[in-house]
Amino acid sequence: MTDQQPSGQERPEGEPADGQGGPAKGWGQQPPPGQSPYGPPPPGWSQQPPAPPKRRFGRGVLVGCLSAVVLLVVLIVVIVLAVGGSSKKSPTSPSSTGSGVQSTGGAHPPEADVTVTSCDVDPTTSIPSAKLEIVNHSSKSSDYSISVEFVDANGTRVAEGAALQNHLGPGQKAEDTAGGTAQVSGKVTCRVTSVNRISAVG
């Protein structure tokens, strides 16, 4: 029995022959940078999920904001009105009339300075007249403008009259007559309708 000589180059034990049972070419090699080791993705596949759509403010949110603004404005207006109404009113200052200042009355209103002493109708002209007494109760020299009305027995005004007194000193008394502007028939009553008292100038 002759010994068999090995042909060719000897292979270590356990190593497969070329092309038989060994790993495929390129197995175990690292892919280039930026390339997936599993190959390119299929067509239409996106690497990152799409961003979620932006939320839009609903109509209810807009209406709520507008309501809050309107409520705030109304609240401010109410506060301003409340503060203005609670503020103390300044005392009424005398109003200017002509060259003087009209009296505000006080303890002695202008109407208290004038008294009707008589009321007659001229039998010849049928013109009514009222005799007046004026006493200046103010502390300054004053001018007076007095209006008088004449009414019949039914209370109907049938005529009017007026009288003026200038530079009447404090406490000074004067008499004047207010003549009617129309003829009347029968008996009439004389009434003082208004008295304006202003501080005399000069």
N, C-alpha and C. Protein backbone atom coordinates (compact mmCIF):
# COMPACT_ATOMS: atom_id res chain seq x y z
N MET A 1 0.87 -1.18 0.00
CA MET A 1 0.00 0.00 0.00
C MET A 1 0.88 1.19 0.00
N THR A 2 0.58 2.02 -1.03
CA THR A 2 1.44 3.18 -1.20
C THR A 2 0.78 4.38 -0.58
N ASP A 3 1.51 5.28 0.00
CA ASP A 3 0.98 6.54 0.60
C ASP A 3 0.56 7.50 -0.49
N GLN A 4 -0.71 8.19 -0.24
CA GLN A 4 -1.24 9.17 -1.24
C GLN A 4 -0.66 10.52 -0.94
N GLN A 5 -0.15 11.12 -1.93
CA GLN A 5 0.47 12.42 -1.79
C GLN A 5 -0.59 13.51 -1.97
N PRO A 6 -0.59 14.47 -1.12
CA PRO A 6 -1.56 15.60 -1.29
C PRO A 6 -1.25 16.39 -2.51
N SER A 7 -2.33 16.73 -3.19
CA SER A 7 -2.12 17.52 -4.40
C SER A 7 -2.41 18.98 -4.09
N GLY A 8 -1.62 19.82 -4.64
CA GLY A 8 -1.81 21.28 -4.44
C GLY A 8 -1.44 21.71 -3.05
N GLN A 9 -1.92 22.90 -2.70
CA GLN A 9 -1.59 23.51 -1.39
C GLN A 9 -2.54 23.01 -0.35
N GLU A 10 -2.02 22.70 0.79
CA GLU A 10 -2.83 22.18 1.87
C GLU A 10 -3.63 23.31 2.53
N ARG A 11 -4.93 23.01 3.00
CA ARG A 11 -5.79 24.01 3.65
C ARG A 11 -5.89 23.67 5.11
N PRO A 12 -5.90 24.63 5.92
CA PRO A 12 -6.05 24.33 7.35
C PRO A 12 -7.40 23.69 7.59
N GLU A 13 -7.45 22.99 8.71
CA GLU A 13 -8.67 22.27 9.03
C GLU A 13 -9.78 23.26 9.39
N GLY A 14 -10.95 23.04 8.84
CA GLY A 14 -12.12 23.92 9.12
C GLY A 14 -12.26 25.05 8.16
N GLU A 15 -11.30 25.36 7.32
CA GLU A 15 -11.41 26.49 6.37
C GLU A 15 -12.05 25.99 5.11
N PRO A 16 -13.11 26.55 4.66
CA PRO A 16 -13.78 26.07 3.46
C PRO A 16 -13.00 26.39 2.23
N ALA A 17 -13.28 25.64 1.23
CA ALA A 17 -12.61 25.90 -0.04
C ALA A 17 -13.16 27.13 -0.68
N ASP A 18 -12.42 27.69 -1.64
CA ASP A 18 -12.86 28.92 -2.31
C ASP A 18 -14.19 28.68 -2.99
N GLY A 19 -15.12 29.65 -2.72
CA GLY A 19 -16.42 29.56 -3.38
C GLY A 19 -17.34 28.59 -2.77
N GLN A 20 -17.02 27.94 -1.62
CA GLN A 20 -17.89 26.96 -1.03
C GLN A 20 -18.12 27.30 0.44
N GLY A 21 -19.38 27.67 0.79
CA GLY A 21 -19.79 27.84 2.19
C GLY A 21 -19.22 29.06 2.85
N GLY A 22 -18.42 29.87 2.21
CA GLY A 22 -17.84 31.06 2.84
C GLY A 22 -18.75 32.26 2.76
N PRO A 23 -18.48 33.30 3.53
CA PRO A 23 -19.32 34.52 3.50
C PRO A 23 -19.22 35.22 2.17
N ALA A 24 -20.30 35.98 1.85
CA ALA A 24 -20.31 36.71 0.58
C ALA A 24 -19.28 37.80 0.58
N LYS A 25 -18.97 38.27 -0.60
CA LYS A 25 -17.98 39.30 -0.77
C LYS A 25 -18.51 40.60 -0.18
N GLY A 26 -17.67 41.24 0.59
CA GLY A 26 -18.07 42.50 1.22
C GLY A 26 -18.73 42.33 2.55
N TRP A 27 -18.93 41.15 3.02
CA TRP A 27 -19.57 40.91 4.33
C TRP A 27 -18.67 41.39 5.44
N GLY A 28 -19.29 42.14 6.40
CA GLY A 28 -18.53 42.65 7.53
C GLY A 28 -17.86 43.97 7.27
N GLN A 29 -17.96 44.53 6.05
CA GLN A 29 -17.35 45.83 5.77
C GLN A 29 -18.30 46.95 6.20
N GLN A 30 -17.78 48.10 6.69
CA GLN A 30 -18.57 49.27 7.12
C GLN A 30 -19.01 50.07 5.90
N PRO A 31 -20.28 50.52 5.86
CA PRO A 31 -20.75 51.33 4.72
C PRO A 31 -20.11 52.71 4.73
N PRO A 32 -20.07 53.37 3.63
CA PRO A 32 -19.51 54.74 3.59
C PRO A 32 -20.31 55.65 4.50
N PRO A 33 -19.67 56.76 4.96
CA PRO A 33 -20.38 57.71 5.85
C PRO A 33 -21.64 58.26 5.18
N GLY A 34 -22.74 58.35 5.96
CA GLY A 34 -23.99 58.91 5.45
C GLY A 34 -24.86 57.92 4.74
N GLN A 35 -24.40 56.69 4.53
CA GLN A 35 -25.19 55.69 3.81
C GLN A 35 -25.67 54.64 4.80
N SER A 36 -26.95 54.28 4.66
CA SER A 36 -27.53 53.30 5.57
C SER A 36 -26.91 51.94 5.33
N PRO A 37 -26.63 51.22 6.40
CA PRO A 37 -26.06 49.87 6.22
C PRO A 37 -27.04 48.90 5.61
N TYR A 38 -28.33 49.30 5.59
CA TYR A 38 -29.35 48.41 5.04
C TYR A 38 -29.73 48.75 3.62
N GLY A 39 -28.96 49.65 3.02
CA GLY A 39 -29.25 50.00 1.64
C GLY A 39 -30.19 51.18 1.54
N PRO A 40 -30.41 51.69 0.36
CA PRO A 40 -31.28 52.87 0.18
C PRO A 40 -32.73 52.51 0.48
N PRO A 41 -33.53 53.53 1.03
CA PRO A 41 -34.95 53.26 1.32
C PRO A 41 -35.75 53.12 0.05
N PRO A 42 -36.87 52.45 0.13
CA PRO A 42 -37.70 52.29 -1.07
C PRO A 42 -38.26 53.63 -1.53
N PRO A 43 -38.66 53.73 -2.78
CA PRO A 43 -39.19 55.00 -3.30
C PRO A 43 -40.42 55.44 -2.51
N GLY A 44 -40.52 56.80 -2.25
CA GLY A 44 -41.66 57.36 -1.53
C GLY A 44 -41.49 57.34 -0.03
N TRP A 45 -40.43 56.70 0.45
CA TRP A 45 -40.21 56.64 1.90
C TRP A 45 -39.44 57.86 2.34
N SER A 46 -39.96 58.57 3.40
CA SER A 46 -39.30 59.77 3.91
C SER A 46 -38.55 59.40 5.17
N GLN A 47 -37.35 59.91 5.31
CA GLN A 47 -36.54 59.58 6.47
C GLN A 47 -37.11 60.19 7.74
N GLN A 48 -37.73 61.43 7.66
CA GLN A 48 -38.28 62.09 8.84
C GLN A 48 -39.79 62.20 8.68
N PRO A 49 -40.54 61.99 9.75
CA PRO A 49 -42.01 62.14 9.66
C PRO A 49 -42.39 63.58 9.40
N PRO A 50 -43.46 63.82 8.67
CA PRO A 50 -43.87 65.21 8.37
C PRO A 50 -44.23 65.95 9.65
N ALA A 51 -43.94 67.27 9.65
CA ALA A 51 -44.24 68.11 10.82
C ALA A 51 -45.74 68.20 11.00
N PRO A 52 -46.20 68.20 12.26
CA PRO A 52 -47.66 68.31 12.49
C PRO A 52 -48.18 69.66 12.03
N PRO A 53 -49.39 69.72 11.52
CA PRO A 53 -49.93 71.01 11.04
C PRO A 53 -50.08 71.99 12.19
N LYS A 54 -49.88 73.29 11.89
CA LYS A 54 -50.00 74.34 12.90
C LYS A 54 -51.46 74.52 13.30
N ARG A 55 -51.63 74.67 14.59
CA ARG A 55 -52.99 74.87 15.09
C ARG A 55 -53.45 76.30 14.82
N ARG A 56 -54.63 76.43 14.35
CA ARG A 56 -55.21 77.74 14.10
C ARG A 56 -56.17 78.10 15.23
N PHE A 57 -56.14 79.40 15.57
CA PHE A 57 -57.07 79.86 16.60
C PHE A 57 -58.49 79.76 16.08
N GLY A 58 -59.33 79.14 16.84
CA GLY A 58 -60.72 79.00 16.45
C GLY A 58 -61.48 80.30 16.60
N ARG A 59 -62.66 80.34 16.01
CA ARG A 59 -63.51 81.53 16.10
C ARG A 59 -63.92 81.80 17.53
N GLY A 60 -64.08 80.75 18.32
CA GLY A 60 -64.48 80.94 19.71
C GLY A 60 -63.42 81.68 20.51
N VAL A 61 -62.14 81.39 20.25
CA VAL A 61 -61.07 82.09 20.96
C VAL A 61 -61.08 83.56 20.61
N LEU A 62 -61.28 83.90 19.32
CA LEU A 62 -61.30 85.30 18.90
C LEU A 62 -62.47 86.05 19.54
N VAL A 63 -63.64 85.41 19.56
CA VAL A 63 -64.80 86.05 20.18
C VAL A 63 -64.57 86.27 21.67
N GLY A 64 -63.93 85.32 22.33
CA GLY A 64 -63.65 85.47 23.75
C GLY A 64 -62.72 86.63 24.03
N CYS A 65 -61.69 86.81 23.19
CA CYS A 65 -60.77 87.93 23.37
C CYS A 65 -61.48 89.26 23.18
N LEU A 66 -62.32 89.36 22.13
CA LEU A 66 -63.05 90.61 21.90
C LEU A 66 -63.99 90.91 23.06
N SER A 67 -64.64 89.91 23.59
CA SER A 67 -65.56 90.12 24.72
C SER A 67 -64.80 90.63 25.94
N ALA A 68 -63.61 90.10 26.17
CA ALA A 68 -62.82 90.56 27.32
C ALA A 68 -62.42 92.02 27.17
N VAL A 69 -62.05 92.43 25.94
CA VAL A 69 -61.67 93.82 25.70
C VAL A 69 -62.86 94.74 25.92
N VAL A 70 -64.03 94.37 25.39
CA VAL A 70 -65.23 95.20 25.56
C VAL A 70 -65.59 95.32 27.03
N LEU A 71 -65.51 94.24 27.76
CA LEU A 71 -65.83 94.26 29.19
C LEU A 71 -64.88 95.17 29.95
N LEU A 72 -63.60 95.17 29.58
CA LEU A 72 -62.63 96.03 30.24
C LEU A 72 -62.94 97.49 29.99
N VAL A 73 -63.29 97.83 28.74
CA VAL A 73 -63.63 99.23 28.41
C VAL A 73 -64.85 99.68 29.19
N VAL A 74 -65.88 98.83 29.25
CA VAL A 74 -67.10 99.19 30.00
C VAL A 74 -66.79 99.40 31.47
N LEU A 75 -65.94 98.56 32.04
CA LEU A 75 -65.58 98.69 33.45
C LEU A 75 -64.86 100.01 33.71
N ILE A 76 -63.96 100.41 32.80
CA ILE A 76 -63.25 101.68 32.96
C ILE A 76 -64.22 102.85 32.91
N VAL A 77 -65.17 102.81 31.97
CA VAL A 77 -66.15 103.90 31.86
C VAL A 77 -66.99 104.01 33.12
N VAL A 78 -67.41 102.86 33.67
CA VAL A 78 -68.23 102.88 34.89
C VAL A 78 -67.45 103.48 36.05
N ILE A 79 -66.16 103.14 36.17
CA ILE A 79 -65.35 103.68 37.26
C ILE A 79 -65.19 105.18 37.11
N VAL A 80 -64.94 105.66 35.87
CA VAL A 80 -64.78 107.10 35.66
C VAL A 80 -66.05 107.85 36.01
N LEU A 81 -67.21 107.31 35.59
CA LEU A 81 -68.48 107.97 35.90
C LEU A 81 -68.74 107.98 37.40
N ALA A 82 -68.40 106.90 38.07
CA ALA A 82 -68.63 106.84 39.52
C ALA A 82 -67.76 107.84 40.26
N VAL A 83 -66.49 107.97 39.84
CA VAL A 83 -65.60 108.92 40.49
C VAL A 83 -66.05 110.35 40.22
N GLY A 84 -66.47 110.62 38.96
CA GLY A 84 -66.93 111.97 38.63
C GLY A 84 -68.20 112.35 39.36
N GLY A 85 -69.12 111.37 39.54
CA GLY A 85 -70.37 111.68 40.22
C GLY A 85 -70.19 111.88 41.71
N SER A 86 -69.20 111.22 42.32
CA SER A 86 -69.01 111.34 43.75
C SER A 86 -68.18 112.55 44.14
N SER A 87 -67.54 113.20 43.17
CA SER A 87 -66.75 114.38 43.48
C SER A 87 -67.65 115.52 43.91
N LYS A 88 -67.17 116.29 44.83
CA LYS A 88 -67.96 117.41 45.33
C LYS A 88 -68.06 118.50 44.28
N LYS A 89 -69.25 119.05 44.16
CA LYS A 89 -69.45 120.13 43.22
C LYS A 89 -68.90 121.42 43.82
N SER A 90 -68.19 122.17 43.00
CA SER A 90 -67.68 123.45 43.47
C SER A 90 -68.83 124.42 43.63
N PRO A 91 -68.75 125.29 44.62
CA PRO A 91 -69.83 126.26 44.81
C PRO A 91 -70.00 127.14 43.59
N THR A 92 -71.25 127.46 43.30
CA THR A 92 -71.55 128.26 42.11
C THR A 92 -70.98 129.65 42.28
N SER A 93 -70.17 130.04 41.33
CA SER A 93 -69.59 131.37 41.39
C SER A 93 -70.56 132.37 40.80
N PRO A 94 -70.52 133.60 41.25
CA PRO A 94 -71.42 134.61 40.69
C PRO A 94 -71.19 134.76 39.21
N SER A 95 -72.27 134.85 38.46
CA SER A 95 -72.17 134.98 37.01
C SER A 95 -72.05 136.44 36.62
N SER A 96 -71.22 136.69 35.63
CA SER A 96 -71.00 138.07 35.19
C SER A 96 -72.17 138.53 34.34
N THR A 97 -72.64 139.72 34.59
CA THR A 97 -73.71 140.32 33.81
C THR A 97 -73.36 141.77 33.56
N GLY A 98 -73.12 142.09 32.31
CA GLY A 98 -72.77 143.47 31.99
C GLY A 98 -71.44 143.82 32.63
N SER A 99 -71.40 144.95 33.37
CA SER A 99 -70.17 145.40 33.99
C SER A 99 -70.09 144.99 35.45
N GLY A 100 -71.10 144.27 35.96
CA GLY A 100 -71.09 143.89 37.37
C GLY A 100 -71.17 142.39 37.52
N VAL A 101 -71.37 141.94 38.75
CA VAL A 101 -71.48 140.52 39.06
C VAL A 101 -72.81 140.28 39.73
N GLN A 102 -73.57 139.30 39.21
CA GLN A 102 -74.89 139.01 39.76
C GLN A 102 -74.76 138.36 41.12
N SER A 103 -75.59 138.77 42.05
CA SER A 103 -75.56 138.23 43.40
C SER A 103 -76.08 136.80 43.39
N THR A 104 -75.47 135.94 44.23
CA THR A 104 -75.92 134.56 44.34
C THR A 104 -77.04 134.39 45.35
N GLY A 105 -77.45 135.47 45.99
CA GLY A 105 -78.56 135.36 46.94
C GLY A 105 -78.05 135.18 48.35
N GLY A 106 -77.84 133.94 48.76
CA GLY A 106 -77.39 133.67 50.12
C GLY A 106 -78.53 133.91 51.10
N ALA A 107 -78.21 134.59 52.23
CA ALA A 107 -79.22 134.84 53.26
C ALA A 107 -80.24 135.87 52.81
N HIS A 108 -79.87 136.72 51.87
CA HIS A 108 -80.78 137.77 51.39
C HIS A 108 -80.88 137.68 49.87
N PRO A 109 -81.76 136.85 49.35
CA PRO A 109 -81.92 136.74 47.89
C PRO A 109 -82.46 138.04 47.33
N PRO A 110 -82.22 138.33 46.05
CA PRO A 110 -82.69 139.59 45.46
C PRO A 110 -84.19 139.76 45.56
N GLU A 111 -84.97 138.68 45.46
CA GLU A 111 -86.43 138.80 45.52
C GLU A 111 -86.90 139.39 46.85
N ALA A 112 -86.10 139.15 47.91
CA ALA A 112 -86.49 139.68 49.23
C ALA A 112 -86.25 141.18 49.34
N ASP A 113 -85.56 141.76 48.37
CA ASP A 113 -85.28 143.20 48.42
C ASP A 113 -86.42 144.03 47.83
N VAL A 114 -87.38 143.41 47.16
CA VAL A 114 -88.43 144.15 46.45
C VAL A 114 -89.79 143.80 47.04
N THR A 115 -90.60 144.84 47.28
CA THR A 115 -91.96 144.67 47.81
C THR A 115 -92.92 145.53 47.01
N VAL A 116 -94.09 144.97 46.67
CA VAL A 116 -95.14 145.75 45.99
C VAL A 116 -95.95 146.47 47.07
N THR A 117 -95.94 147.79 47.00
CA THR A 117 -96.67 148.58 48.01
C THR A 117 -98.06 148.97 47.55
N SER A 118 -98.29 149.05 46.23
CA SER A 118 -99.64 149.34 45.73
C SER A 118 -99.76 148.86 44.30
N CYS A 119 -101.00 148.58 43.88
CA CYS A 119 -101.28 148.09 42.53
C CYS A 119 -102.55 148.79 42.05
N ASP A 120 -102.44 149.62 40.99
CA ASP A 120 -103.57 150.43 40.52
C ASP A 120 -103.69 150.37 39.01
N VAL A 121 -104.85 150.79 38.53
CA VAL A 121 -105.12 150.95 37.10
C VAL A 121 -105.54 152.39 36.88
N ASP A 122 -104.86 153.08 35.98
CA ASP A 122 -105.19 154.48 35.69
C ASP A 122 -106.57 154.54 35.06
N PRO A 123 -107.50 155.29 35.63
CA PRO A 123 -108.86 155.33 35.06
C PRO A 123 -108.92 156.00 33.71
N THR A 124 -107.94 156.81 33.37
CA THR A 124 -107.96 157.51 32.09
C THR A 124 -107.36 156.67 30.98
N THR A 125 -106.21 156.10 31.24
CA THR A 125 -105.49 155.34 30.20
C THR A 125 -105.72 153.83 30.27
N SER A 126 -106.28 153.33 31.36
CA SER A 126 -106.47 151.88 31.60
C SER A 126 -105.14 151.13 31.63
N ILE A 127 -104.07 151.86 31.98
CA ILE A 127 -102.74 151.24 32.10
C ILE A 127 -102.51 150.90 33.57
N PRO A 128 -102.16 149.65 33.87
CA PRO A 128 -101.88 149.28 35.26
C PRO A 128 -100.48 149.72 35.67
N SER A 129 -100.28 149.86 36.96
CA SER A 129 -98.96 150.21 37.49
C SER A 129 -98.81 149.62 38.88
N ALA A 130 -97.56 149.33 39.22
CA ALA A 130 -97.24 148.76 40.54
C ALA A 130 -96.16 149.61 41.17
N LYS A 131 -96.41 150.08 42.38
CA LYS A 131 -95.42 150.83 43.13
C LYS A 131 -94.56 149.84 43.92
N LEU A 132 -93.25 150.04 43.84
CA LEU A 132 -92.30 149.10 44.43
C LEU A 132 -91.43 149.79 45.46
N GLU A 133 -91.06 149.03 46.48
CA GLU A 133 -90.07 149.48 47.46
C GLU A 133 -88.88 148.53 47.38
N ILE A 134 -87.69 149.09 47.16
CA ILE A 134 -86.47 148.29 47.02
C ILE A 134 -85.53 148.63 48.17
N VAL A 135 -85.09 147.61 48.88
CA VAL A 135 -84.13 147.77 49.97
C VAL A 135 -82.93 146.86 49.68
N ASN A 136 -81.75 147.46 49.61
CA ASN A 136 -80.54 146.68 49.30
C ASN A 136 -80.05 146.01 50.58
N HIS A 137 -80.25 144.69 50.68
CA HIS A 137 -79.78 143.93 51.84
C HIS A 137 -78.38 143.36 51.64
N SER A 138 -77.76 143.61 50.50
CA SER A 138 -76.41 143.09 50.27
C SER A 138 -75.38 144.02 50.90
N SER A 139 -74.12 143.61 50.83
CA SER A 139 -73.04 144.39 51.43
C SER A 139 -72.35 145.30 50.42
N LYS A 140 -72.86 145.36 49.19
CA LYS A 140 -72.25 146.18 48.15
C LYS A 140 -73.30 147.03 47.47
N SER A 141 -72.85 148.12 46.89
CA SER A 141 -73.74 148.94 46.08
C SER A 141 -74.20 148.12 44.88
N SER A 142 -75.51 148.13 44.60
CA SER A 142 -76.06 147.22 43.60
C SER A 142 -76.99 147.92 42.64
N ASP A 143 -77.13 147.30 41.46
CA ASP A 143 -78.10 147.73 40.45
C ASP A 143 -79.20 146.68 40.39
N TYR A 144 -80.45 147.13 40.19
CA TYR A 144 -81.61 146.23 40.20
C TYR A 144 -82.36 146.32 38.87
N SER A 145 -82.77 145.15 38.38
CA SER A 145 -83.66 145.05 37.23
C SER A 145 -84.85 144.19 37.66
N ILE A 146 -86.06 144.80 37.65
CA ILE A 146 -87.24 144.16 38.23
C ILE A 146 -88.30 143.99 37.15
N SER A 147 -88.91 142.79 37.11
CA SER A 147 -90.00 142.50 36.18
C SER A 147 -91.28 142.25 36.98
N VAL A 148 -92.40 142.78 36.45
CA VAL A 148 -93.70 142.68 37.12
C VAL A 148 -94.73 142.21 36.11
N GLU A 149 -95.72 141.43 36.57
CA GLU A 149 -96.83 141.04 35.72
C GLU A 149 -98.14 141.47 36.37
N PHE A 150 -99.15 141.72 35.51
CA PHE A 150 -100.48 142.12 35.97
C PHE A 150 -101.46 141.04 35.51
N VAL A 151 -102.19 140.45 36.46
CA VAL A 151 -103.12 139.36 36.16
C VAL A 151 -104.53 139.78 36.56
N ASP A 152 -105.50 139.26 35.82
CA ASP A 152 -106.89 139.59 36.13
C ASP A 152 -107.45 138.64 37.18
N ALA A 153 -108.76 138.71 37.40
CA ALA A 153 -109.39 137.91 38.44
C ALA A 153 -109.31 136.42 38.14
N ASN A 154 -109.17 136.04 36.87
CA ASN A 154 -109.07 134.62 36.50
C ASN A 154 -107.64 134.09 36.58
N GLY A 155 -106.70 134.96 36.94
CA GLY A 155 -105.30 134.55 37.00
C GLY A 155 -104.58 134.64 35.67
N THR A 156 -105.20 135.28 34.68
CA THR A 156 -104.59 135.42 33.36
C THR A 156 -103.74 136.68 33.31
N ARG A 157 -102.54 136.54 32.78
CA ARG A 157 -101.68 137.71 32.63
C ARG A 157 -102.24 138.60 31.52
N VAL A 158 -102.44 139.86 31.86
CA VAL A 158 -103.00 140.81 30.89
C VAL A 158 -102.01 141.90 30.53
N ALA A 159 -100.94 142.05 31.30
CA ALA A 159 -99.93 143.08 31.00
C ALA A 159 -98.66 142.77 31.78
N GLU A 160 -97.57 143.43 31.36
CA GLU A 160 -96.28 143.28 32.02
C GLU A 160 -95.67 144.65 32.23
N GLY A 161 -94.74 144.72 33.17
CA GLY A 161 -94.05 145.97 33.44
C GLY A 161 -92.65 145.70 33.94
N ALA A 162 -91.86 146.80 34.07
CA ALA A 162 -90.47 146.66 34.52
C ALA A 162 -90.04 147.94 35.22
N ALA A 163 -89.00 147.78 36.06
CA ALA A 163 -88.42 148.92 36.78
C ALA A 163 -86.94 148.70 36.95
N LEU A 164 -86.17 149.80 37.00
CA LEU A 164 -84.72 149.75 37.15
C LEU A 164 -84.30 150.67 38.28
N GLN A 165 -83.31 150.23 39.05
CA GLN A 165 -82.68 151.05 40.09
C GLN A 165 -81.18 150.82 40.02
N ASN A 166 -80.40 151.90 39.98
CA ASN A 166 -78.95 151.81 39.85
C ASN A 166 -78.26 152.41 41.07
N HIS A 167 -77.12 151.83 41.42
CA HIS A 167 -76.23 152.32 42.48
C HIS A 167 -76.98 152.51 43.79
N LEU A 168 -77.71 151.49 44.19
CA LEU A 168 -78.38 151.52 45.49
C LEU A 168 -77.41 150.96 46.53
N GLY A 169 -77.05 151.79 47.51
CA GLY A 169 -76.04 151.40 48.49
C GLY A 169 -76.53 150.35 49.46
N PRO A 170 -75.61 149.73 50.21
CA PRO A 170 -76.00 148.72 51.19
C PRO A 170 -76.95 149.31 52.24
N GLY A 171 -78.09 148.66 52.45
CA GLY A 171 -79.08 149.13 53.41
C GLY A 171 -79.92 150.29 52.91
N GLN A 172 -79.64 150.80 51.73
CA GLN A 172 -80.39 151.95 51.20
C GLN A 172 -81.74 151.51 50.66
N LYS A 173 -82.74 152.42 50.78
CA LYS A 173 -84.10 152.14 50.32
C LYS A 173 -84.44 153.06 49.16
N ALA A 174 -85.23 152.54 48.22
CA ALA A 174 -85.68 153.35 47.09
C ALA A 174 -87.09 152.92 46.71
N GLU A 175 -87.83 153.85 46.07
CA GLU A 175 -89.17 153.55 45.58
C GLU A 175 -89.20 153.77 44.08
N ASP A 176 -89.95 152.91 43.41
CA ASP A 176 -90.04 153.00 41.95
C ASP A 176 -91.42 152.51 41.53
N THR A 177 -91.77 152.78 40.27
CA THR A 177 -93.06 152.36 39.72
C THR A 177 -92.83 151.58 38.45
N ALA A 178 -93.46 150.42 38.37
CA ALA A 178 -93.40 149.60 37.16
C ALA A 178 -94.72 149.76 36.43
N GLY A 179 -94.69 150.44 35.26
CA GLY A 179 -95.90 150.66 34.49
C GLY A 179 -96.17 149.52 33.53
N GLY A 180 -97.45 149.21 33.31
CA GLY A 180 -97.82 148.15 32.39
C GLY A 180 -97.62 148.54 30.94
N THR A 181 -97.55 147.57 30.08
CA THR A 181 -97.31 147.78 28.65
C THR A 181 -98.59 147.64 27.83
N ALA A 182 -99.73 147.39 28.47
CA ALA A 182 -100.98 147.22 27.74
C ALA A 182 -102.14 147.71 28.60
N GLN A 183 -103.24 148.06 27.94
CA GLN A 183 -104.44 148.47 28.65
C GLN A 183 -105.17 147.25 29.20
N VAL A 184 -105.80 147.45 30.35
CA VAL A 184 -106.54 146.36 30.98
C VAL A 184 -107.93 146.88 31.35
N SER A 185 -108.79 145.94 31.62
CA SER A 185 -110.14 146.29 32.07
C SER A 185 -110.42 145.56 33.37
N GLY A 186 -110.94 146.26 34.32
CA GLY A 186 -111.24 145.65 35.60
C GLY A 186 -110.04 145.70 36.53
N LYS A 187 -110.22 145.04 37.64
CA LYS A 187 -109.19 145.03 38.67
C LYS A 187 -108.12 144.00 38.34
N VAL A 188 -106.86 144.35 38.68
CA VAL A 188 -105.74 143.44 38.41
C VAL A 188 -104.93 143.26 39.69
N THR A 189 -104.11 142.23 39.68
CA THR A 189 -103.17 141.96 40.77
C THR A 189 -101.76 142.09 40.22
N CYS A 190 -100.88 142.74 41.01
CA CYS A 190 -99.49 142.97 40.60
C CYS A 190 -98.58 141.95 41.28
N ARG A 191 -97.74 141.31 40.48
CA ARG A 191 -96.81 140.31 41.02
C ARG A 191 -95.40 140.56 40.48
N VAL A 192 -94.40 140.44 41.37
CA VAL A 192 -93.00 140.52 40.95
C VAL A 192 -92.59 139.14 40.43
N THR A 193 -92.16 139.09 39.19
CA THR A 193 -91.80 137.80 38.59
C THR A 193 -90.30 137.51 38.65
N SER A 194 -89.46 138.55 38.62
CA SER A 194 -88.01 138.31 38.69
C SER A 194 -87.31 139.57 39.17
N VAL A 195 -86.20 139.35 39.89
CA VAL A 195 -85.36 140.45 40.38
C VAL A 195 -83.91 140.07 40.11
N ASN A 196 -83.21 140.89 39.36
CA ASN A 196 -81.79 140.70 39.11
C ASN A 196 -81.02 141.79 39.86
N ARG A 197 -80.09 141.36 40.69
CA ARG A 197 -79.27 142.30 41.47
C ARG A 197 -77.81 142.06 41.13
N ILE A 198 -77.14 143.09 40.66
CA ILE A 198 -75.73 142.97 40.31
C ILE A 198 -74.94 144.04 41.05
N SER A 199 -73.69 143.74 41.33
CA SER A 199 -72.84 144.70 42.02
C SER A 199 -72.56 145.87 41.10
N ALA A 200 -72.83 147.08 41.60
CA ALA A 200 -72.62 148.28 40.79
C ALA A 200 -71.13 148.55 40.65
N VAL A 201 -70.74 149.10 39.52
CA VAL A 201 -69.35 149.43 39.24
C VAL A 201 -69.23 150.94 39.15
N GLY A 202 -68.24 151.52 39.83
CA GLY A 202 -68.02 152.96 39.77
C GLY A 202 -68.71 153.70 40.88
